[in-house]
PDB file of N, CA and C in Angstrom:
ATOM      1  N   MET A   1       0.836  -1.180   0.000  1.00  0.00           N
ATOM      2  CA  MET A   1       0.000   0.000   0.000  1.00  0.00           C
ATOM      3  C   MET A   1       0.885   1.248   0.000  1.00  0.00           C
ATOM      4  N   SER A   2       0.522   2.233  -0.778  1.00  0.00           N
ATOM      5  CA  SER A   2       1.307   3.445  -0.941  1.00  0.00           C
ATOM      6  C   SER A   2       0.873   4.531   0.033  1.00  0.00           C
ATOM      7  N   ASP A   3       1.848   5.361   0.424  1.00  0.00           N
ATOM      8  CA  ASP A   3       1.552   6.510   1.270  1.00  0.00           C
ATOM      9  C   ASP A   3       1.195   7.740   0.446  1.00  0.00           C
ATOM     10  N   ASN A   4       1.226   7.618  -0.873  1.00  0.00           N
ATOM     11  CA  ASN A   4       0.923   8.744  -1.741  1.00  0.00           C
ATOM     12  C   ASN A   4      -0.569   9.063  -1.703  1.00  0.00           C
ATOM     13  N   PRO A   5      -0.906  10.357  -1.778  1.00  0.00           N
ATOM     14  CA  PRO A   5      -2.325  10.715  -1.813  1.00  0.00           C
ATOM     15  C   PRO A   5      -2.969  10.207  -3.097  1.00  0.00           C
ATOM     16  N   LYS A   6      -4.232   9.872  -3.027  1.00  0.00           N
ATOM     17  CA  LYS A   6      -4.965   9.370  -4.197  1.00  0.00           C
ATOM     18  C   LYS A   6      -5.872  10.439  -4.796  1.00  0.00           C
ATOM     19  N   ARG A   7      -6.266  11.409  -3.969  1.00  0.00           N
ATOM     20  CA  ARG A   7      -7.163  12.481  -4.409  1.00  0.00           C
ATOM     21  C   ARG A   7      -6.299  13.670  -4.837  1.00  0.00           C
ATOM     22  N   HIS A   8      -6.165  13.854  -6.140  1.00  0.00           N
ATOM     23  CA  HIS A   8      -5.290  14.887  -6.673  1.00  0.00           C
ATOM     24  C   HIS A   8      -6.108  16.078  -7.158  1.00  0.00           C
ATOM     25  N   HIS A   9      -5.818  17.239  -6.582  1.00  0.00           N
ATOM     26  CA  HIS A   9      -6.550  18.451  -6.926  1.00  0.00           C
ATOM     27  C   HIS A   9      -5.931  19.151  -8.129  1.00  0.00           C
ATOM     28  N   TYR A  10      -6.738  19.445  -9.130  1.00  0.00           N
ATOM     29  CA  TYR A  10      -6.266  20.241 -10.253  1.00  0.00           C
ATOM     30  C   TYR A  10      -6.597  21.714 -10.026  1.00  0.00           C
ATOM     31  N   ILE A  11      -7.405  22.013  -9.009  1.00  0.00           N
ATOM     32  CA  ILE A  11      -7.597  23.379  -8.517  1.00  0.00           C
ATOM     33  C   ILE A  11      -7.108  23.363  -7.071  1.00  0.00           C
ATOM     34  N   PRO A  12      -6.034  24.079  -6.767  1.00  0.00           N
ATOM     35  CA  PRO A  12      -5.486  24.031  -5.402  1.00  0.00           C
ATOM     36  C   PRO A  12      -6.512  24.447  -4.345  1.00  0.00           C
ATOM     37  N   GLN A  13      -6.525  23.706  -3.244  1.00  0.00           N
ATOM     38  CA  GLN A  13      -7.456  24.007  -2.161  1.00  0.00           C
ATOM     39  C   GLN A  13      -7.225  25.407  -1.601  1.00  0.00           C
ATOM     40  N   ALA A  14      -5.976  25.841  -1.543  1.00  0.00           N
ATOM     41  CA  ALA A  14      -5.673  27.181  -1.038  1.00  0.00           C
ATOM     42  C   ALA A  14      -6.328  28.252  -1.908  1.00  0.00           C
ATOM     43  N   PHE A  15      -6.377  28.013  -3.207  1.00  0.00           N
ATOM     44  CA  PHE A  15      -7.036  28.939  -4.124  1.00  0.00           C
ATOM     45  C   PHE A  15      -8.544  28.933  -3.885  1.00  0.00           C
ATOM     46  N   LEU A  16      -9.117  27.747  -3.738  1.00  0.00           N
ATOM     47  CA  LEU A  16     -10.561  27.621  -3.521  1.00  0.00           C
ATOM     48  C   LEU A  16     -10.997  28.303  -2.225  1.00  0.00           C
ATOM     49  N   ARG A  17     -10.137  28.285  -1.216  1.00  0.00           N
ATOM     50  CA  ARG A  17     -10.495  28.901   0.073  1.00  0.00           C
ATOM     51  C   ARG A  17     -10.741  30.398  -0.040  1.00  0.00           C
ATOM     52  N   ASN A  18     -10.240  31.011  -1.100  1.00  0.00           N
ATOM     53  CA  ASN A  18     -10.496  32.434  -1.327  1.00  0.00           C
ATOM     54  C   ASN A  18     -11.946  32.701  -1.706  1.00  0.00           C
ATOM     55  N   PHE A  19     -12.704  31.653  -2.004  1.00  0.00           N
ATOM     56  CA  PHE A  19     -14.099  31.800  -2.408  1.00  0.00           C
ATOM     57  C   PHE A  19     -15.065  31.234  -1.373  1.00  0.00           C
ATOM     58  N   THR A  20     -14.590  31.025  -0.159  1.00  0.00           N
ATOM     59  CA  THR A  20     -15.425  30.482   0.905  1.00  0.00           C
ATOM     60  C   THR A  20     -15.802  31.568   1.896  1.00  0.00           C
ATOM     61  N   MET A  21     -16.825  31.287   2.685  1.00  0.00           N
ATOM     62  CA  MET A  21     -17.209  32.201   3.754  1.00  0.00           C
ATOM     63  C   MET A  21     -16.553  31.790   5.072  1.00  0.00           C
ATOM     64  N   ASP A  22     -16.287  30.504   5.235  1.00  0.00           N
ATOM     65  CA  ASP A  22     -15.763  29.998   6.509  1.00  0.00           C
ATOM     66  C   ASP A  22     -14.412  29.305   6.361  1.00  0.00           C
ATOM     67  N   ASP A  23     -13.734  29.499   5.236  1.00  0.00           N
ATOM     68  CA  ASP A  23     -12.437  28.894   4.937  1.00  0.00           C
ATOM     69  C   ASP A  23     -12.529  27.389   4.684  1.00  0.00           C
ATOM     70  N   LYS A  24     -13.742  26.858   4.571  1.00  0.00           N
ATOM     71  CA  LYS A  24     -13.896  25.419   4.336  1.00  0.00           C
ATOM     72  C   LYS A  24     -14.917  25.101   3.237  1.00  0.00           C
ATOM     73  N   HIS A  25     -16.077  25.721   3.285  1.00  0.00           N
ATOM     74  CA  HIS A  25     -17.172  25.338   2.395  1.00  0.00           C
ATOM     75  C   HIS A  25     -17.330  26.299   1.216  1.00  0.00           C
ATOM     76  N   ILE A  26     -17.626  25.701   0.068  1.00  0.00           N
ATOM     77  CA  ILE A  26     -17.762  26.454  -1.166  1.00  0.00           C
ATOM     78  C   ILE A  26     -19.024  25.975  -1.885  1.00  0.00           C
ATOM     79  N   TRP A  27     -19.669  26.881  -2.591  1.00  0.00           N
ATOM     80  CA  TRP A  27     -20.852  26.531  -3.371  1.00  0.00           C
ATOM     81  C   TRP A  27     -20.414  26.051  -4.747  1.00  0.00           C
ATOM     82  N   VAL A  28     -20.922  24.898  -5.174  1.00  0.00           N
ATOM     83  CA  VAL A  28     -20.527  24.310  -6.458  1.00  0.00           C
ATOM     84  C   VAL A  28     -21.744  23.793  -7.219  1.00  0.00           C
ATOM     85  N   CYS A  29     -21.514  23.579  -8.499  1.00  0.00           N
ATOM     86  CA  CYS A  29     -22.516  22.971  -9.368  1.00  0.00           C
ATOM     87  C   CYS A  29     -21.766  22.029 -10.299  1.00  0.00           C
ATOM     88  N   ASP A  30     -22.170  20.787 -10.359  1.00  0.00           N
ATOM     89  CA  ASP A  30     -21.543  19.805 -11.234  1.00  0.00           C
ATOM     90  C   ASP A  30     -22.248  19.860 -12.578  1.00  0.00           C
ATOM     91  N   LYS A  31     -21.607  20.481 -13.557  1.00  0.00           N
ATOM     92  CA  LYS A  31     -22.225  20.645 -14.876  1.00  0.00           C
ATOM     93  C   LYS A  31     -22.343  19.322 -15.623  1.00  0.00           C
ATOM     94  N   VAL A  32     -21.438  18.384 -15.353  1.00  0.00           N
ATOM     95  CA  VAL A  32     -21.484  17.083 -16.029  1.00  0.00           C
ATOM     96  C   VAL A  32     -22.687  16.282 -15.545  1.00  0.00           C
ATOM     97  N   LYS A  33     -22.844  16.223 -14.226  1.00  0.00           N
ATOM     98  CA  LYS A  33     -23.973  15.478 -13.641  1.00  0.00           C
ATOM     99  C   LYS A  33     -25.258  16.297 -13.623  1.00  0.00           C
ATOM    100  N   LYS A  34     -25.143  17.568 -13.996  1.00  0.00           N
ATOM    101  CA  LYS A  34     -26.280  18.493 -14.002  1.00  0.00           C
ATOM    102  C   LYS A  34     -26.980  18.529 -12.645  1.00  0.00           C
ATOM    103  N   SER A  35     -26.154  18.593 -11.600  1.00  0.00           N
ATOM    104  CA  SER A  35     -26.697  18.619 -10.251  1.00  0.00           C
ATOM    105  C   SER A  35     -27.063  20.056  -9.865  1.00  0.00           C
ATOM    106  N   PRO A  36     -27.952  20.189  -8.889  1.00  0.00           N
ATOM    107  CA  PRO A  36     -28.255  21.537  -8.399  1.00  0.00           C
ATOM    108  C   PRO A  36     -27.051  22.096  -7.632  1.00  0.00           C
ATOM    109  N   ILE A  37     -27.054  23.378  -7.407  1.00  0.00           N
ATOM    110  CA  ILE A  37     -25.981  24.018  -6.647  1.00  0.00           C
ATOM    111  C   ILE A  37     -26.040  23.517  -5.216  1.00  0.00           C
ATOM    112  N   PHE A  38     -24.858  23.184  -4.670  1.00  0.00           N
ATOM    113  CA  PHE A  38     -24.790  22.691  -3.302  1.00  0.00           C
ATOM    114  C   PHE A  38     -23.497  23.154  -2.646  1.00  0.00           C
ATOM    115  N   SER A  39     -23.466  23.128  -1.328  1.00  0.00           N
ATOM    116  CA  SER A  39     -22.286  23.512  -0.560  1.00  0.00           C
ATOM    117  C   SER A  39     -21.509  22.262  -0.171  1.00  0.00           C
ATOM    118  N   THR A  40     -20.190  22.330  -0.305  1.00  0.00           N
ATOM    119  CA  THR A  40     -19.340  21.212   0.084  1.00  0.00           C
ATOM    120  C   THR A  40     -17.991  21.749   0.551  1.00  0.00           C
ATOM    121  N   ASN A  41     -17.225  20.905   1.185  1.00  0.00           N
ATOM    122  CA  ASN A  41     -15.896  21.262   1.659  1.00  0.00           C
ATOM    123  C   ASN A  41     -14.958  21.381   0.466  1.00  0.00           C
ATOM    124  N   VAL A  42     -13.994  22.300   0.533  1.00  0.00           N
ATOM    125  CA  VAL A  42     -13.052  22.486  -0.574  1.00  0.00           C
ATOM    126  C   VAL A  42     -12.218  21.228  -0.843  1.00  0.00           C
ATOM    127  N   ILE A  43     -12.112  20.333   0.130  1.00  0.00           N
ATOM    128  CA  ILE A  43     -11.352  19.095  -0.121  1.00  0.00           C
ATOM    129  C   ILE A  43     -12.050  18.194  -1.124  1.00  0.00           C
ATOM    130  N   ASN A  44     -13.326  18.479  -1.419  1.00  0.00           N
ATOM    131  CA  ASN A  44     -14.100  17.654  -2.351  1.00  0.00           C
ATOM    132  C   ASN A  44     -14.296  18.305  -3.715  1.00  0.00           C
ATOM    133  N   VAL A  45     -13.597  19.402  -3.987  1.00  0.00           N
ATOM    134  CA  VAL A  45     -13.813  20.166  -5.216  1.00  0.00           C
ATOM    135  C   VAL A  45     -12.550  20.196  -6.060  1.00  0.00           C
ATOM    136  N   GLY A  46     -12.712  20.098  -7.379  1.00  0.00           N
ATOM    137  CA  GLY A  46     -11.588  20.243  -8.292  1.00  0.00           C
ATOM    138  C   GLY A  46     -10.542  19.168  -8.140  1.00  0.00           C
ATOM    139  N   LEU A  47     -10.976  17.913  -8.099  1.00  0.00           N
ATOM    140  CA  LEU A  47     -10.027  16.821  -7.920  1.00  0.00           C
ATOM    141  C   LEU A  47     -10.398  15.620  -8.777  1.00  0.00           C
ATOM    142  N   GLU A  48      -9.422  14.756  -8.917  1.00  0.00           N
ATOM    143  CA  GLU A  48      -9.607  13.508  -9.654  1.00  0.00           C
ATOM    144  C   GLU A  48      -8.722  12.450  -8.998  1.00  0.00           C
ATOM    145  N   SER A  49      -9.208  11.248  -8.923  1.00  0.00           N
ATOM    146  CA  SER A  49      -8.422  10.166  -8.317  1.00  0.00           C
ATOM    147  C   SER A  49      -7.220   9.819  -9.188  1.00  0.00           C
ATOM    148  N   ASN A  50      -6.055   9.784  -8.562  1.00  0.00           N
ATOM    149  CA  ASN A  50      -4.804   9.370  -9.205  1.00  0.00           C
ATOM    150  C   ASN A  50      -4.448  10.142 -10.471  1.00  0.00           C
ATOM    151  N   LEU A  51      -4.847  11.383 -10.537  1.00  0.00           N
ATOM    152  CA  LEU A  51      -4.578  12.197 -11.727  1.00  0.00           C
ATOM    153  C   LEU A  51      -3.076  12.344 -11.987  1.00  0.00           C
ATOM    154  N   TYR A  52      -2.278  12.490 -10.942  1.00  0.00           N
ATOM    155  CA  TYR A  52      -0.842  12.714 -11.085  1.00  0.00           C
ATOM    156  C   TYR A  52       0.002  11.536 -10.594  1.00  0.00           C
ATOM    157  N   THR A  53      -0.583  10.342 -10.550  1.00  0.00           N
ATOM    158  CA  THR A  53       0.141   9.157 -10.100  1.00  0.00           C
ATOM    159  C   THR A  53       0.969   8.589 -11.256  1.00  0.00           C
ATOM    160  N   TYR A  54       2.148   8.084 -10.932  1.00  0.00           N
ATOM    161  CA  TYR A  54       3.014   7.457 -11.938  1.00  0.00           C
ATOM    162  C   TYR A  54       3.742   6.272 -11.302  1.00  0.00           C
ATOM    163  N   LEU A  55       4.312   5.423 -12.133  1.00  0.00           N
ATOM    164  CA  LEU A  55       5.137   4.307 -11.667  1.00  0.00           C
ATOM    165  C   LEU A  55       6.586   4.573 -12.059  1.00  0.00           C
ATOM    166  N   THR A  56       7.493   4.348 -11.127  1.00  0.00           N
ATOM    167  CA  THR A  56       8.913   4.501 -11.422  1.00  0.00           C
ATOM    168  C   THR A  56       9.406   3.264 -12.180  1.00  0.00           C
ATOM    169  N   LYS A  57      10.662   3.287 -12.598  1.00  0.00           N
ATOM    170  CA  LYS A  57      11.231   2.139 -13.300  1.00  0.00           C
ATOM    171  C   LYS A  57      11.230   0.893 -12.419  1.00  0.00           C
ATOM    172  N   LYS A  58      11.308   1.104 -11.108  1.00  0.00           N
ATOM    173  CA  LYS A  58      11.296  -0.026 -10.174  1.00  0.00           C
ATOM    174  C   LYS A  58       9.877  -0.395  -9.748  1.00  0.00           C
ATOM    175  N   LYS A  59       8.898   0.075 -10.508  1.00  0.00           N
ATOM    176  CA  LYS A  59       7.479  -0.229 -10.271  1.00  0.00           C
ATOM    177  C   LYS A  59       6.973   0.313  -8.928  1.00  0.00           C
ATOM    178  N   LYS A  60       7.648   1.336  -8.435  1.00  0.00           N
ATOM    179  CA  LYS A  60       7.199   1.986  -7.209  1.00  0.00           C
ATOM    180  C   LYS A  60       6.282   3.147  -7.586  1.00  0.00           C
ATOM    181  N   GLU A  61       5.149   3.243  -6.903  1.00  0.00           N
ATOM    182  CA  GLU A  61       4.187   4.293  -7.209  1.00  0.00           C
ATOM    183  C   GLU A  61       4.654   5.631  -6.647  1.00  0.00           C
ATOM    184  N   GLY A  62       4.502   6.669  -7.446  1.00  0.00           N
ATOM    185  CA  GLY A  62       4.832   8.019  -7.009  1.00  0.00           C
ATOM    186  C   GLY A  62       3.699   8.954  -7.357  1.00  0.00           C
ATOM    187  N   SER A  63       3.776  10.173  -6.860  1.00  0.00           N
ATOM    188  CA  SER A  63       2.727  11.147  -7.120  1.00  0.00           C
ATOM    189  C   SER A  63       3.310  12.541  -7.250  1.00  0.00           C
ATOM    190  N   LEU A  64       3.030  13.190  -8.363  1.00  0.00           N
ATOM    191  CA  LEU A  64       3.450  14.572  -8.537  1.00  0.00           C
ATOM    192  C   LEU A  64       2.708  15.488  -7.576  1.00  0.00           C
ATOM    193  N   GLU A  65       1.551  15.044  -7.094  1.00  0.00           N
ATOM    194  CA  GLU A  65       0.763  15.830  -6.134  1.00  0.00           C
ATOM    195  C   GLU A  65       1.595  16.137  -4.889  1.00  0.00           C
ATOM    196  N   SER A  66       2.303  15.142  -4.371  1.00  0.00           N
ATOM    197  CA  SER A  66       3.067  15.355  -3.139  1.00  0.00           C
ATOM    198  C   SER A  66       4.497  15.826  -3.402  1.00  0.00           C
ATOM    199  N   THR A  67       5.087  15.442  -4.530  1.00  0.00           N
ATOM    200  CA  THR A  67       6.489  15.791  -4.769  1.00  0.00           C
ATOM    201  C   THR A  67       6.687  17.155  -5.419  1.00  0.00           C
ATOM    202  N   LEU A  68       5.748  17.579  -6.230  1.00  0.00           N
ATOM    203  CA  LEU A  68       5.933  18.821  -6.975  1.00  0.00           C
ATOM    204  C   LEU A  68       4.837  19.846  -6.714  1.00  0.00           C
ATOM    205  N   PHE A  69       3.599  19.443  -6.944  1.00  0.00           N
ATOM    206  CA  PHE A  69       2.512  20.416  -6.901  1.00  0.00           C
ATOM    207  C   PHE A  69       2.255  20.989  -5.518  1.00  0.00           C
ATOM    208  N   SER A  70       2.496  20.236  -4.464  1.00  0.00           N
ATOM    209  CA  SER A  70       2.287  20.782  -3.121  1.00  0.00           C
ATOM    210  C   SER A  70       3.253  21.942  -2.864  1.00  0.00           C
ATOM    211  N   LYS A  71       4.462  21.855  -3.405  1.00  0.00           N
ATOM    212  CA  LYS A  71       5.435  22.941  -3.249  1.00  0.00           C
ATOM    213  C   LYS A  71       5.011  24.168  -4.054  1.00  0.00           C
ATOM    214  N   ILE A  72       4.578  23.938  -5.288  1.00  0.00           N
ATOM    215  CA  ILE A  72       4.129  25.038  -6.142  1.00  0.00           C
ATOM    216  C   ILE A  72       2.895  25.699  -5.529  1.00  0.00           C
ATOM    217  N   ASP A  73       1.963  24.884  -5.056  1.00  0.00           N
ATOM    218  CA  ASP A  73       0.745  25.418  -4.436  1.00  0.00           C
ATOM    219  C   ASP A  73       1.077  26.268  -3.221  1.00  0.00           C
ATOM    220  N   GLY A  74       2.060  25.834  -2.446  1.00  0.00           N
ATOM    221  CA  GLY A  74       2.468  26.593  -1.270  1.00  0.00           C
ATOM    222  C   GLY A  74       3.045  27.950  -1.645  1.00  0.00           C
ATOM    223  N   MET A  75       3.879  27.973  -2.686  1.00  0.00           N
ATOM    224  CA  MET A  75       4.456  29.242  -3.145  1.00  0.00           C
ATOM    225  C   MET A  75       3.368  30.155  -3.704  1.00  0.00           C
ATOM    226  N   ALA A  76       2.446  29.587  -4.465  1.00  0.00           N
ATOM    227  CA  ALA A  76       1.363  30.387  -5.038  1.00  0.00           C
ATOM    228  C   ALA A  76       0.472  30.956  -3.937  1.00  0.00           C
ATOM    229  N   LYS A  77       0.194  30.157  -2.907  1.00  0.00           N
ATOM    230  CA  LYS A  77      -0.631  30.631  -1.798  1.00  0.00           C
ATOM    231  C   LYS A  77       0.018  31.816  -1.107  1.00  0.00           C
ATOM    232  N   ASN A  78       1.322  31.722  -0.861  1.00  0.00           N
ATOM    233  CA  ASN A  78       2.042  32.830  -0.225  1.00  0.00           C
ATOM    234  C   ASN A  78       1.955  34.097  -1.068  1.00  0.00           C
ATOM    235  N   THR A  79       2.077  33.945  -2.383  1.00  0.00           N
ATOM    236  CA  THR A  79       2.006  35.093  -3.280  1.00  0.00           C
ATOM    237  C   THR A  79       0.613  35.710  -3.260  1.00  0.00           C
ATOM    238  N   VAL A  80      -0.413  34.885  -3.343  1.00  0.00           N
ATOM    239  CA  VAL A  80      -1.794  35.384  -3.316  1.00  0.00           C
ATOM    240  C   VAL A  80      -2.087  36.056  -1.980  1.00  0.00           C
ATOM    241  N   ASP A  81      -1.633  35.477  -0.888  1.00  0.00           N
ATOM    242  CA  ASP A  81      -1.832  36.089   0.432  1.00  0.00           C
ATOM    243  C   ASP A  81      -1.197  37.472   0.502  1.00  0.00           C
ATOM    244  N   LYS A  82       0.001  37.616  -0.052  1.00  0.00           N
ATOM    245  CA  LYS A  82       0.666  38.916  -0.065  1.00  0.00           C
ATOM    246  C   LYS A  82      -0.119  39.910  -0.920  1.00  0.00           C
ATOM    247  N   LEU A  83      -0.607  39.448  -2.061  1.00  0.00           N
ATOM    248  CA  LEU A  83      -1.363  40.330  -2.952  1.00  0.00           C
ATOM    249  C   LEU A  83      -2.668  40.792  -2.310  1.00  0.00           C
ATOM    250  N   LYS A  84      -3.296  39.915  -1.559  1.00  0.00           N
ATOM    251  CA  LYS A  84      -4.543  40.278  -0.898  1.00  0.00           C
ATOM    252  C   LYS A  84      -4.330  41.389   0.121  1.00  0.00           C
ATOM    253  N   LYS A  85      -3.133  41.466   0.688  1.00  0.00           N
ATOM    254  CA  LYS A  85      -2.815  42.487   1.686  1.00  0.00           C
ATOM    255  C   LYS A  85      -2.399  43.808   1.050  1.00  0.00           C
ATOM    256  N   MET A  86      -1.983  43.777  -0.199  1.00  0.00           N
ATOM    257  CA  MET A  86      -1.487  44.971  -0.880  1.00  0.00           C
ATOM    258  C   MET A  86      -2.596  45.620  -1.695  1.00  0.00           C
ATOM    259  N   LYS A  87      -2.597  46.947  -1.730  1.00  0.00           N
ATOM    260  CA  LYS A  87      -3.577  47.653  -2.557  1.00  0.00           C
ATOM    261  C   LYS A  87      -3.030  47.833  -3.971  1.00  0.00           C
ATOM    262  N   GLN A  88      -1.760  48.086  -4.065  1.00  0.00           N
ATOM    263  CA  GLN A  88      -1.116  48.220  -5.361  1.00  0.00           C
ATOM    264  C   GLN A  88       0.218  47.485  -5.302  1.00  0.00           C
ATOM    265  N   PHE A  89       0.652  46.967  -6.410  1.00  0.00           N
ATOM    266  CA  PHE A  89       1.960  46.338  -6.438  1.00  0.00           C
ATOM    267  C   PHE A  89       2.660  46.646  -7.748  1.00  0.00           C
ATOM    268  N   GLN A  90       3.949  46.488  -7.746  1.00  0.00           N
ATOM    269  CA  GLN A  90       4.780  46.894  -8.871  1.00  0.00           C
ATOM    270  C   GLN A  90       4.537  46.038 -10.103  1.00  0.00           C
ATOM    271  N   ILE A  91       4.826  46.627 -11.262  1.00  0.00           N
ATOM    272  CA  ILE A  91       4.645  45.920 -12.531  1.00  0.00           C
ATOM    273  C   ILE A  91       5.492  44.656 -12.580  1.00  0.00           C
ATOM    274  N   LYS A  92       6.698  44.694 -12.025  1.00  0.00           N
ATOM    275  CA  LYS A  92       7.565  43.513 -12.045  1.00  0.00           C
ATOM    276  C   LYS A  92       6.885  42.354 -11.326  1.00  0.00           C
ATOM    277  N   LYS A  93       6.229  42.629 -10.222  1.00  0.00           N
ATOM    278  CA  LYS A  93       5.530  41.575  -9.498  1.00  0.00           C
ATOM    279  C   LYS A  93       4.353  41.050 -10.317  1.00  0.00           C
ATOM    280  N   LYS A  94       3.704  41.918 -11.070  1.00  0.00           N
ATOM    281  CA  LYS A  94       2.615  41.477 -11.946  1.00  0.00           C
ATOM    282  C   LYS A  94       3.151  40.513 -13.011  1.00  0.00           C
ATOM    283  N   GLN A  95       4.323  40.832 -13.555  1.00  0.00           N
ATOM    284  CA  GLN A  95       4.917  39.973 -14.572  1.00  0.00           C
ATOM    285  C   GLN A  95       5.261  38.604 -14.014  1.00  0.00           C
ATOM    286  N   ILE A  96       5.727  38.558 -12.778  1.00  0.00           N
ATOM    287  CA  ILE A  96       6.046  37.278 -12.146  1.00  0.00           C
ATOM    288  C   ILE A  96       4.786  36.437 -12.017  1.00  0.00           C
ATOM    289  N   LEU A  97       3.658  37.081 -11.692  1.00  0.00           N
ATOM    290  CA  LEU A  97       2.397  36.354 -11.529  1.00  0.00           C
ATOM    291  C   LEU A  97       1.926  35.694 -12.818  1.00  0.00           C
ATOM    292  N   LEU A  98       2.328  36.240 -13.947  1.00  0.00           N
ATOM    293  CA  LEU A  98       1.916  35.661 -15.237  1.00  0.00           C
ATOM    294  C   LEU A  98       2.448  34.244 -15.419  1.00  0.00           C
ATOM    295  N   TYR A  99       3.508  33.887 -14.678  1.00  0.00           N
ATOM    296  CA  TYR A  99       4.101  32.562 -14.801  1.00  0.00           C
ATOM    297  C   TYR A  99       3.524  31.558 -13.820  1.00  0.00           C
ATOM    298  N   ILE A 100       2.666  32.023 -12.925  1.00  0.00           N
ATOM    299  CA  ILE A 100       2.070  31.101 -11.932  1.00  0.00           C
ATOM    300  C   ILE A 100       0.850  30.461 -12.515  1.00  0.00           C
TER     301      ILE A 100
END
């Protein structure tokens, strides 16, 4: 059994929390299932099972979710948090954001 996460988010939870009222729940609508709008925890939104799972040459399971994307998500969250606190920011910082 692997210690790698199986639920891989393609929309970072930290990003989704910016659209919540209580830092946990978000209103969603599943367009594929044509479900009505409902509230759910951000851990249940924007994810797919084993989306970033891979096998190494030694047949060991790995996950980009834990090795790469969690680091990128953390850096992006810090940047967004800083931007939320600032009223204006320099053009150079805007250019850096274009790469996130």
